[in-house]
Amino acid sequence: PRNNELFEGDFDVRDMSFRHGGDFIGIRQKLPYIKGLGCRAIWISPVFVNGPNSYHQYAMHDFTLLDPRLGTLEELRALTSEAHRLGMYVIIDVVM
């Protein structure tokens, strides 16, 4: 995904200590496929700023800022709007 280029340093898909995953645009593109599987909701990992190589998104540093590796606020809103247009819910996981 395009978010691999935002890393500080190298990225190795085989190294599980690096963050792996997609972004808001990629999820939005897959919504019709997910709905076609019979899903009525998506549950995504936390979206807030994380450590540089937090592969799981559960090492939040700031609950007021989106992690730029996932996309922008506008892209998250577009994802949510598209999901709602398709009759789907969006659940964002949060760990405090």
PDB file of N, CA and C in Angstrom:
ATOM      1  N   PRO A   1       0.820  -1.196   0.000  1.00  0.00           N
ATOM      2  CA  PRO A   1       0.000   0.000   0.000  1.00  0.00           C
ATOM      3  C   PRO A   1       0.865   1.261   0.000  1.00  0.00           C
ATOM      4  N   ARG A   2       0.234   2.372  -0.332  1.00  0.00           N
ATOM      5  CA  ARG A   2       0.978   3.619  -0.410  1.00  0.00           C
ATOM      6  C   ARG A   2       1.554   4.046   0.928  1.00  0.00           C
ATOM      7  N   ASN A   3       1.002   3.541   2.032  1.00  0.00           N
ATOM      8  CA  ASN A   3       1.477   3.961   3.344  1.00  0.00           C
ATOM      9  C   ASN A   3       2.826   3.353   3.721  1.00  0.00           C
ATOM     10  N   ASN A   4       3.342   2.408   2.974  1.00  0.00           N
ATOM     11  CA  ASN A   4       4.660   1.849   3.261  1.00  0.00           C
ATOM     12  C   ASN A   4       5.751   2.895   3.093  1.00  0.00           C
ATOM     13  N   GLU A   5       5.559   3.868   2.220  1.00  0.00           N
ATOM     14  CA  GLU A   5       6.574   4.879   1.976  1.00  0.00           C
ATOM     15  C   GLU A   5       6.687   5.883   3.114  1.00  0.00           C
ATOM     16  N   LEU A   6       5.758   5.891   4.050  1.00  0.00           N
ATOM     17  CA  LEU A   6       5.784   6.859   5.141  1.00  0.00           C
ATOM     18  C   LEU A   6       6.666   6.419   6.300  1.00  0.00           C
ATOM     19  N   PHE A   7       7.316   5.275   6.182  1.00  0.00           N
ATOM     20  CA  PHE A   7       8.154   4.769   7.259  1.00  0.00           C
ATOM     21  C   PHE A   7       9.411   5.579   7.428  1.00  0.00           C
ATOM     22  N   GLU A   8       9.854   5.655   8.676  1.00  0.00           N
ATOM     23  CA  GLU A   8      11.177   6.180   8.968  1.00  0.00           C
ATOM     24  C   GLU A   8      12.127   4.999   8.850  1.00  0.00           C
ATOM     25  N   GLY A   9      12.921   4.961   7.806  1.00  0.00           N
ATOM     26  CA  GLY A   9      13.822   3.840   7.605  1.00  0.00           C
ATOM     27  C   GLY A   9      13.277   2.861   6.594  1.00  0.00           C
ATOM     28  N   ASP A  10      13.825   1.677   6.612  1.00  0.00           N
ATOM     29  CA  ASP A  10      13.470   0.656   5.633  1.00  0.00           C
ATOM     30  C   ASP A  10      12.168  -0.045   5.990  1.00  0.00           C
ATOM     31  N   PHE A  11      11.631  -0.751   5.008  1.00  0.00           N
ATOM     32  CA  PHE A  11      10.437  -1.564   5.209  1.00  0.00           C
ATOM     33  C   PHE A  11      10.711  -2.936   4.629  1.00  0.00           C
ATOM     34  N   ASP A  12      10.421  -3.967   5.408  1.00  0.00           N
ATOM     35  CA  ASP A  12      10.620  -5.338   4.952  1.00  0.00           C
ATOM     36  C   ASP A  12       9.344  -6.108   5.244  1.00  0.00           C
ATOM     37  N   VAL A  13       8.634  -6.524   4.207  1.00  0.00           N
ATOM     38  CA  VAL A  13       7.358  -7.207   4.367  1.00  0.00           C
ATOM     39  C   VAL A  13       7.510  -8.506   5.168  1.00  0.00           C
ATOM     40  N   ARG A  14       8.711  -9.096   5.202  1.00  0.00           N
ATOM     41  CA  ARG A  14       8.930 -10.347   5.933  1.00  0.00           C
ATOM     42  C   ARG A  14       9.200 -10.126   7.420  1.00  0.00           C
ATOM     43  N   ASP A  15       9.445  -8.889   7.827  1.00  0.00           N
ATOM     44  CA  ASP A  15       9.781  -8.577   9.214  1.00  0.00           C
ATOM     45  C   ASP A  15       8.506  -8.195   9.962  1.00  0.00           C
ATOM     46  N   MET A  16       8.061  -9.054  10.871  1.00  0.00           N
ATOM     47  CA  MET A  16       6.800  -8.818  11.582  1.00  0.00           C
ATOM     48  C   MET A  16       6.898  -7.707  12.624  1.00  0.00           C
ATOM     49  N   SER A  17       8.091  -7.153  12.847  1.00  0.00           N
ATOM     50  CA  SER A  17       8.185  -6.028  13.776  1.00  0.00           C
ATOM     51  C   SER A  17       7.793  -4.716  13.093  1.00  0.00           C
ATOM     52  N   PHE A  18       7.691  -4.725  11.758  1.00  0.00           N
ATOM     53  CA  PHE A  18       7.246  -3.550  11.024  1.00  0.00           C
ATOM     54  C   PHE A  18       5.731  -3.561  10.893  1.00  0.00           C
ATOM     55  N   ARG A  19       5.166  -2.373  10.763  1.00  0.00           N
ATOM     56  CA  ARG A  19       3.722  -2.250  10.585  1.00  0.00           C
ATOM     57  C   ARG A  19       3.327  -2.840   9.236  1.00  0.00           C
ATOM     58  N   HIS A  20       2.273  -3.621   9.240  1.00  0.00           N
ATOM     59  CA  HIS A  20       1.721  -4.193   8.015  1.00  0.00           C
ATOM     60  C   HIS A  20       0.250  -3.804   7.956  1.00  0.00           C
ATOM     61  N   GLY A  21      -0.227  -3.591   6.784  1.00  0.00           N
ATOM     62  CA  GLY A  21      -1.651  -3.299   6.667  1.00  0.00           C
ATOM     63  C   GLY A  21      -1.927  -2.260   5.620  1.00  0.00           C
ATOM     64  N   GLY A  22      -3.190  -1.951   5.490  1.00  0.00           N
ATOM     65  CA  GLY A  22      -3.628  -1.038   4.458  1.00  0.00           C
ATOM     66  C   GLY A  22      -3.964   0.331   5.000  1.00  0.00           C
ATOM     67  N   ASP A  23      -4.794   1.035   4.247  1.00  0.00           N
ATOM     68  CA  ASP A  23      -5.178   2.384   4.620  1.00  0.00           C
ATOM     69  C   ASP A  23      -6.667   2.586   4.326  1.00  0.00           C
ATOM     70  N   PHE A  24      -7.150   3.777   4.649  1.00  0.00           N
ATOM     71  CA  PHE A  24      -8.574   4.062   4.480  1.00  0.00           C
ATOM     72  C   PHE A  24      -9.018   3.905   3.028  1.00  0.00           C
ATOM     73  N   ILE A  25      -8.190   4.329   2.094  1.00  0.00           N
ATOM     74  CA  ILE A  25      -8.550   4.225   0.679  1.00  0.00           C
ATOM     75  C   ILE A  25      -8.687   2.752   0.273  1.00  0.00           C
ATOM     76  N   GLY A  26      -7.757   1.921   0.721  1.00  0.00           N
ATOM     77  CA  GLY A  26      -7.812   0.502   0.382  1.00  0.00           C
ATOM     78  C   GLY A  26      -9.040  -0.188   0.953  1.00  0.00           C
ATOM     79  N   ILE A  27      -9.381   0.157   2.188  1.00  0.00           N
ATOM     80  CA  ILE A  27     -10.585  -0.434   2.794  1.00  0.00           C
ATOM     81  C   ILE A  27     -11.822   0.004   2.015  1.00  0.00           C
ATOM     82  N   ARG A  28     -11.862   1.295   1.691  1.00  0.00           N
ATOM     83  CA  ARG A  28     -13.028   1.812   0.945  1.00  0.00           C
ATOM     84  C   ARG A  28     -13.192   1.083  -0.385  1.00  0.00           C
ATOM     85  N   GLN A  29     -12.100   0.824  -1.062  1.00  0.00           N
ATOM     86  CA  GLN A  29     -12.168   0.131  -2.347  1.00  0.00           C
ATOM     87  C   GLN A  29     -12.694  -1.295  -2.196  1.00  0.00           C
ATOM     88  N   LYS A  30     -12.494  -1.905  -1.045  1.00  0.00           N
ATOM     89  CA  LYS A  30     -12.908  -3.296  -0.822  1.00  0.00           C
ATOM     90  C   LYS A  30     -14.302  -3.425  -0.214  1.00  0.00           C
ATOM     91  N   LEU A  31     -14.954  -2.309   0.102  1.00  0.00           N
ATOM     92  CA  LEU A  31     -16.274  -2.391   0.748  1.00  0.00           C
ATOM     93  C   LEU A  31     -17.301  -3.203  -0.046  1.00  0.00           C
ATOM     94  N   PRO A  32     -17.420  -3.033  -1.361  1.00  0.00           N
ATOM     95  CA  PRO A  32     -18.397  -3.856  -2.082  1.00  0.00           C
ATOM     96  C   PRO A  32     -18.102  -5.356  -1.951  1.00  0.00           C
ATOM     97  N   TYR A  33     -16.837  -5.711  -1.992  1.00  0.00           N
ATOM     98  CA  TYR A  33     -16.456  -7.119  -1.824  1.00  0.00           C
ATOM     99  C   TYR A  33     -16.843  -7.619  -0.429  1.00  0.00           C
ATOM    100  N   ILE A  34     -16.533  -6.811   0.596  1.00  0.00           N
ATOM    101  CA  ILE A  34     -16.847  -7.191   1.981  1.00  0.00           C
ATOM    102  C   ILE A  34     -18.359  -7.331   2.154  1.00  0.00           C
ATOM    103  N   LYS A  35     -19.111  -6.378   1.609  1.00  0.00           N
ATOM    104  CA  LYS A  35     -20.581  -6.473   1.686  1.00  0.00           C
ATOM    105  C   LYS A  35     -21.072  -7.715   0.962  1.00  0.00           C
ATOM    106  N   GLY A  36     -20.451  -8.037  -0.162  1.00  0.00           N
ATOM    107  CA  GLY A  36     -20.822  -9.230  -0.921  1.00  0.00           C
ATOM    108  C   GLY A  36     -20.608 -10.523  -0.160  1.00  0.00           C
ATOM    109  N   LEU A  37     -19.736 -10.496   0.828  1.00  0.00           N
ATOM    110  CA  LEU A  37     -19.527 -11.666   1.686  1.00  0.00           C
ATOM    111  C   LEU A  37     -20.638 -11.821   2.722  1.00  0.00           C
ATOM    112  N   GLY A  38     -21.514 -10.815   2.782  1.00  0.00           N
ATOM    113  CA  GLY A  38     -22.616 -10.859   3.738  1.00  0.00           C
ATOM    114  C   GLY A  38     -22.360 -10.055   5.007  1.00  0.00           C
ATOM    115  N   CYS A  39     -21.250  -9.339   5.043  1.00  0.00           N
ATOM    116  CA  CYS A  39     -20.921  -8.538   6.232  1.00  0.00           C
ATOM    117  C   CYS A  39     -21.747  -7.266   6.241  1.00  0.00           C
ATOM    118  N   ARG A  40     -22.185  -6.890   7.416  1.00  0.00           N
ATOM    119  CA  ARG A  40     -22.960  -5.662   7.561  1.00  0.00           C
ATOM    120  C   ARG A  40     -22.185  -4.583   8.300  1.00  0.00           C
ATOM    121  N   ALA A  41     -20.935  -4.899   8.690  1.00  0.00           N
ATOM    122  CA  ALA A  41     -20.096  -3.933   9.403  1.00  0.00           C
ATOM    123  C   ALA A  41     -18.632  -4.284   9.176  1.00  0.00           C
ATOM    124  N   ILE A  42     -17.782  -3.282   9.333  1.00  0.00           N
ATOM    125  CA  ILE A  42     -16.339  -3.529   9.384  1.00  0.00           C
ATOM    126  C   ILE A  42     -15.844  -3.012  10.727  1.00  0.00           C
ATOM    127  N   TRP A  43     -14.885  -3.684  11.287  1.00  0.00           N
ATOM    128  CA  TRP A  43     -14.296  -3.312  12.567  1.00  0.00           C
ATOM    129  C   TRP A  43     -12.820  -3.114  12.313  1.00  0.00           C
ATOM    130  N   ILE A  44     -12.374  -1.845  12.342  1.00  0.00           N
ATOM    131  CA  ILE A  44     -10.991  -1.552  12.013  1.00  0.00           C
ATOM    132  C   ILE A  44     -10.179  -1.260  13.269  1.00  0.00           C
ATOM    133  N   SER A  45      -8.889  -1.457  13.154  1.00  0.00           N
ATOM    134  CA  SER A  45      -7.955  -1.195  14.256  1.00  0.00           C
ATOM    135  C   SER A  45      -7.992   0.284  14.622  1.00  0.00           C
ATOM    136  N   PRO A  46      -7.430   0.642  15.785  1.00  0.00           N
ATOM    137  CA  PRO A  46      -7.378   2.060  16.153  1.00  0.00           C
ATOM    138  C   PRO A  46      -6.738   2.901  15.044  1.00  0.00           C
ATOM    139  N   VAL A  47      -7.193   4.129  14.932  1.00  0.00           N
ATOM    140  CA  VAL A  47      -6.769   4.996  13.837  1.00  0.00           C
ATOM    141  C   VAL A  47      -5.874   6.152  14.303  1.00  0.00           C
ATOM    142  N   PHE A  48      -5.524   6.168  15.576  1.00  0.00           N
ATOM    143  CA  PHE A  48      -4.795   7.305  16.129  1.00  0.00           C
ATOM    144  C   PHE A  48      -3.284   7.130  15.989  1.00  0.00           C
ATOM    145  N   VAL A  49      -2.552   8.233  16.159  1.00  0.00           N
ATOM    146  CA  VAL A  49      -1.095   8.239  16.004  1.00  0.00           C
ATOM    147  C   VAL A  49      -0.469   7.158  16.884  1.00  0.00           C
ATOM    148  N   ASN A  50       0.398   6.347  16.252  1.00  0.00           N
ATOM    149  CA  ASN A  50       1.090   5.237  16.901  1.00  0.00           C
ATOM    150  C   ASN A  50       2.588   5.418  16.801  1.00  0.00           C
ATOM    151  N   GLY A  51       3.309   4.510  17.443  1.00  0.00           N
ATOM    152  CA  GLY A  51       4.756   4.490  17.326  1.00  0.00           C
ATOM    153  C   GLY A  51       5.178   4.219  15.892  1.00  0.00           C
ATOM    154  N   PRO A  52       6.434   4.521  15.542  1.00  0.00           N
ATOM    155  CA  PRO A  52       6.884   4.411  14.150  1.00  0.00           C
ATOM    156  C   PRO A  52       6.732   3.016  13.554  1.00  0.00           C
ATOM    157  N   ASN A  53       6.945   1.984  14.315  1.00  0.00           N
ATOM    158  CA  ASN A  53       6.818   0.624  13.774  1.00  0.00           C
ATOM    159  C   ASN A  53       5.814  -0.210  14.557  1.00  0.00           C
ATOM    160  N   SER A  54       4.773   0.420  15.029  1.00  0.00           N
ATOM    161  CA  SER A  54       3.713  -0.296  15.728  1.00  0.00           C
ATOM    162  C   SER A  54       2.876  -1.038  14.697  1.00  0.00           C
ATOM    163  N   TYR A  55       3.125  -2.326  14.551  1.00  0.00           N
ATOM    164  CA  TYR A  55       2.475  -3.092  13.492  1.00  0.00           C
ATOM    165  C   TYR A  55       1.003  -3.358  13.763  1.00  0.00           C
ATOM    166  N   HIS A  56       0.550  -3.178  14.995  1.00  0.00           N
ATOM    167  CA  HIS A  56      -0.816  -3.563  15.362  1.00  0.00           C
ATOM    168  C   HIS A  56      -1.738  -2.377  15.601  1.00  0.00           C
ATOM    169  N   GLN A  57      -1.218  -1.155  15.630  1.00  0.00           N
ATOM    170  CA  GLN A  57      -1.987   0.072  15.850  1.00  0.00           C
ATOM    171  C   GLN A  57      -2.529   0.204  17.277  1.00  0.00           C
ATOM    172  N   TYR A  58      -1.997  -0.553  18.235  1.00  0.00           N
ATOM    173  CA  TYR A  58      -2.473  -0.456  19.613  1.00  0.00           C
ATOM    174  C   TYR A  58      -1.469   0.224  20.535  1.00  0.00           C
ATOM    175  N   ALA A  59      -0.546   1.008  19.986  1.00  0.00           N
ATOM    176  CA  ALA A  59       0.435   1.752  20.785  1.00  0.00           C
ATOM    177  C   ALA A  59       0.205   3.242  20.567  1.00  0.00           C
ATOM    178  N   MET A  60      -1.005   3.694  20.897  1.00  0.00           N
ATOM    179  CA  MET A  60      -1.401   5.061  20.601  1.00  0.00           C
ATOM    180  C   MET A  60      -0.613   6.076  21.428  1.00  0.00           C
ATOM    181  N   HIS A  61      -0.231   7.164  20.751  1.00  0.00           N
ATOM    182  CA  HIS A  61       0.485   8.249  21.396  1.00  0.00           C
ATOM    183  C   HIS A  61      -0.408   9.461  21.597  1.00  0.00           C
ATOM    184  N   ASP A  62      -1.386   9.634  20.715  1.00  0.00           N
ATOM    185  CA  ASP A  62      -2.242  10.816  20.761  1.00  0.00           C
ATOM    186  C   ASP A  62      -3.628  10.441  20.243  1.00  0.00           C
ATOM    187  N   PHE A  63      -4.613  10.578  21.119  1.00  0.00           N
ATOM    188  CA  PHE A  63      -5.986  10.216  20.760  1.00  0.00           C
ATOM    189  C   PHE A  63      -6.702  11.326  19.989  1.00  0.00           C
ATOM    190  N   THR A  64      -5.993  12.407  19.655  1.00  0.00           N
ATOM    191  CA  THR A  64      -6.632  13.510  18.934  1.00  0.00           C
ATOM    192  C   THR A  64      -6.168  13.613  17.491  1.00  0.00           C
ATOM    193  N   LEU A  65      -5.171  12.788  17.090  1.00  0.00           N
ATOM    194  CA  LEU A  65      -4.634  12.865  15.737  1.00  0.00           C
ATOM    195  C   LEU A  65      -4.706  11.516  15.043  1.00  0.00           C
ATOM    196  N   LEU A  66      -5.093  11.514  13.783  1.00  0.00           N
ATOM    197  CA  LEU A  66      -5.088  10.282  12.989  1.00  0.00           C
ATOM    198  C   LEU A  66      -3.660   9.914  12.619  1.00  0.00           C
ATOM    199  N   ASP A  67      -3.389   8.622  12.562  1.00  0.00           N
ATOM    200  CA  ASP A  67      -2.080   8.153  12.103  1.00  0.00           C
ATOM    201  C   ASP A  67      -1.987   8.430  10.602  1.00  0.00           C
ATOM    202  N   PRO A  68      -1.024   9.239  10.159  1.00  0.00           N
ATOM    203  CA  PRO A  68      -0.961   9.595   8.742  1.00  0.00           C
ATOM    204  C   PRO A  68      -0.702   8.402   7.825  1.00  0.00           C
ATOM    205  N   ARG A  69      -0.213   7.279   8.369  1.00  0.00           N
ATOM    206  CA  ARG A  69       0.006   6.097   7.541  1.00  0.00           C
ATOM    207  C   ARG A  69      -1.316   5.495   7.075  1.00  0.00           C
ATOM    208  N   LEU A  70      -2.399   5.793   7.777  1.00  0.00           N
ATOM    209  CA  LEU A  70      -3.711   5.265   7.408  1.00  0.00           C
ATOM    210  C   LEU A  70      -4.453   6.169   6.438  1.00  0.00           C
ATOM    211  N   GLY A  71      -4.125   7.439   6.454  1.00  0.00           N
ATOM    212  CA  GLY A  71      -4.791   8.386   5.568  1.00  0.00           C
ATOM    213  C   GLY A  71      -5.193   9.648   6.296  1.00  0.00           C
ATOM    214  N   THR A  72      -6.002  10.423   5.630  1.00  0.00           N
ATOM    215  CA  THR A  72      -6.438  11.712   6.158  1.00  0.00           C
ATOM    216  C   THR A  72      -7.835  11.605   6.774  1.00  0.00           C
ATOM    217  N   LEU A  73      -8.229  12.651   7.468  1.00  0.00           N
ATOM    218  CA  LEU A  73      -9.581  12.707   8.026  1.00  0.00           C
ATOM    219  C   LEU A  73     -10.612  12.646   6.901  1.00  0.00           C
ATOM    220  N   GLU A  74     -10.338  13.315   5.808  1.00  0.00           N
ATOM    221  CA  GLU A  74     -11.260  13.293   4.666  1.00  0.00           C
ATOM    222  C   GLU A  74     -11.403  11.874   4.113  1.00  0.00           C
ATOM    223  N   GLU A  75     -10.307  11.119   4.071  1.00  0.00           N
ATOM    224  CA  GLU A  75     -10.363   9.738   3.575  1.00  0.00           C
ATOM    225  C   GLU A  75     -11.136   8.840   4.536  1.00  0.00           C
ATOM    226  N   LEU A  76     -10.993   9.067   5.841  1.00  0.00           N
ATOM    227  CA  LEU A  76     -11.776   8.304   6.825  1.00  0.00           C
ATOM    228  C   LEU A  76     -13.255   8.636   6.694  1.00  0.00           C
ATOM    229  N   ARG A  77     -13.558   9.899   6.502  1.00  0.00           N
ATOM    230  CA  ARG A  77     -14.963  10.304   6.305  1.00  0.00           C
ATOM    231  C   ARG A  77     -15.536   9.687   5.026  1.00  0.00           C
ATOM    232  N   ALA A  78     -14.732   9.655   3.972  1.00  0.00           N
ATOM    233  CA  ALA A  78     -15.190   9.048   2.715  1.00  0.00           C
ATOM    234  C   ALA A  78     -15.438   7.556   2.897  1.00  0.00           C
ATOM    235  N   LEU A  79     -14.570   6.885   3.638  1.00  0.00           N
ATOM    236  CA  LEU A  79     -14.757   5.460   3.938  1.00  0.00           C
ATOM    237  C   LEU A  79     -16.065   5.249   4.695  1.00  0.00           C
ATOM    238  N   THR A  80     -16.281   6.042   5.717  1.00  0.00           N
ATOM    239  CA  THR A  80     -17.489   5.917   6.527  1.00  0.00           C
ATOM    240  C   THR A  80     -18.742   6.229   5.712  1.00  0.00           C
ATOM    241  N   SER A  81     -18.689   7.274   4.900  1.00  0.00           N
ATOM    242  CA  SER A  81     -19.843   7.636   4.061  1.00  0.00           C
ATOM    243  C   SER A  81     -20.171   6.528   3.069  1.00  0.00           C
ATOM    244  N   GLU A  82     -19.145   5.952   2.457  1.00  0.00           N
ATOM    245  CA  GLU A  82     -19.377   4.868   1.495  1.00  0.00           C
ATOM    246  C   GLU A  82     -19.958   3.639   2.184  1.00  0.00           C
ATOM    247  N   ALA A  83     -19.429   3.315   3.361  1.00  0.00           N
ATOM    248  CA  ALA A  83     -19.964   2.176   4.108  1.00  0.00           C
ATOM    249  C   ALA A  83     -21.436   2.412   4.430  1.00  0.00           C
ATOM    250  N   HIS A  84     -21.759   3.607   4.897  1.00  0.00           N
ATOM    251  CA  HIS A  84     -23.157   3.913   5.228  1.00  0.00           C
ATOM    252  C   HIS A  84     -24.036   3.865   3.980  1.00  0.00           C
ATOM    253  N   ARG A  85     -23.516   4.337   2.843  1.00  0.00           N
ATOM    254  CA  ARG A  85     -24.272   4.276   1.591  1.00  0.00           C
ATOM    255  C   ARG A  85     -24.600   2.837   1.221  1.00  0.00           C
ATOM    256  N   LEU A  86     -23.685   1.930   1.571  1.00  0.00           N
ATOM    257  CA  LEU A  86     -23.890   0.503   1.293  1.00  0.00           C
ATOM    258  C   LEU A  86     -24.686  -0.197   2.399  1.00  0.00           C
ATOM    259  N   GLY A  87     -25.117   0.566   3.413  1.00  0.00           N
ATOM    260  CA  GLY A  87     -25.884  -0.020   4.510  1.00  0.00           C
ATOM    261  C   GLY A  87     -25.016  -0.746   5.524  1.00  0.00           C
ATOM    262  N   MET A  88     -23.759  -0.329   5.627  1.00  0.00           N
ATOM    263  CA  MET A  88     -22.827  -0.991   6.542  1.00  0.00           C
ATOM    264  C   MET A  88     -22.430  -0.052   7.677  1.00  0.00           C
ATOM    265  N   TYR A  89     -22.057  -0.628   8.796  1.00  0.00           N
ATOM    266  CA  TYR A  89     -21.537   0.113   9.933  1.00  0.00           C
ATOM    267  C   TYR A  89     -20.018   0.116   9.891  1.00  0.00           C
ATOM    268  N   VAL A  90     -19.409   1.128  10.525  1.00  0.00           N
ATOM    269  CA  VAL A  90     -17.960   1.169  10.722  1.00  0.00           C
ATOM    270  C   VAL A  90     -17.701   1.265  12.216  1.00  0.00           C
ATOM    271  N   ILE A  91     -16.971   0.296  12.738  1.00  0.00           N
ATOM    272  CA  ILE A  91     -16.605   0.270  14.149  1.00  0.00           C
ATOM    273  C   ILE A  91     -15.102   0.506  14.223  1.00  0.00           C
ATOM    274  N   ILE A  92     -14.697   1.496  15.010  1.00  0.00           N
ATOM    275  CA  ILE A  92     -13.267   1.775  15.181  1.00  0.00           C
ATOM    276  C   ILE A  92     -12.874   1.320  16.568  1.00  0.00           C
ATOM    277  N   ASP A  93     -11.924   0.415  16.629  1.00  0.00           N
ATOM    278  CA  ASP A  93     -11.445  -0.127  17.888  1.00  0.00           C
ATOM    279  C   ASP A  93     -10.650   0.934  18.647  1.00  0.00           C
ATOM    280  N   VAL A  94     -10.800   0.969  19.944  1.00  0.00           N
ATOM    281  CA  VAL A  94     -10.053   1.890  20.802  1.00  0.00           C
ATOM    282  C   VAL A  94      -9.640   1.145  22.057  1.00  0.00           C
ATOM    283  N   VAL A  95      -8.392   1.300  22.427  1.00  0.00           N
ATOM    284  CA  VAL A  95      -7.898   0.757  23.686  1.00  0.00           C
ATOM    285  C   VAL A  95      -7.360   1.919  24.482  1.00  0.00           C
ATOM    286  N   MET A  96      -7.808   2.046  25.709  1.00  0.00           N
ATOM    287  CA  MET A  96      -7.361   3.175  26.531  1.00  0.00           C
ATOM    288  C   MET A  96      -6.464   2.713  27.655  1.00  0.00           C
TER     289      MET A  96
END
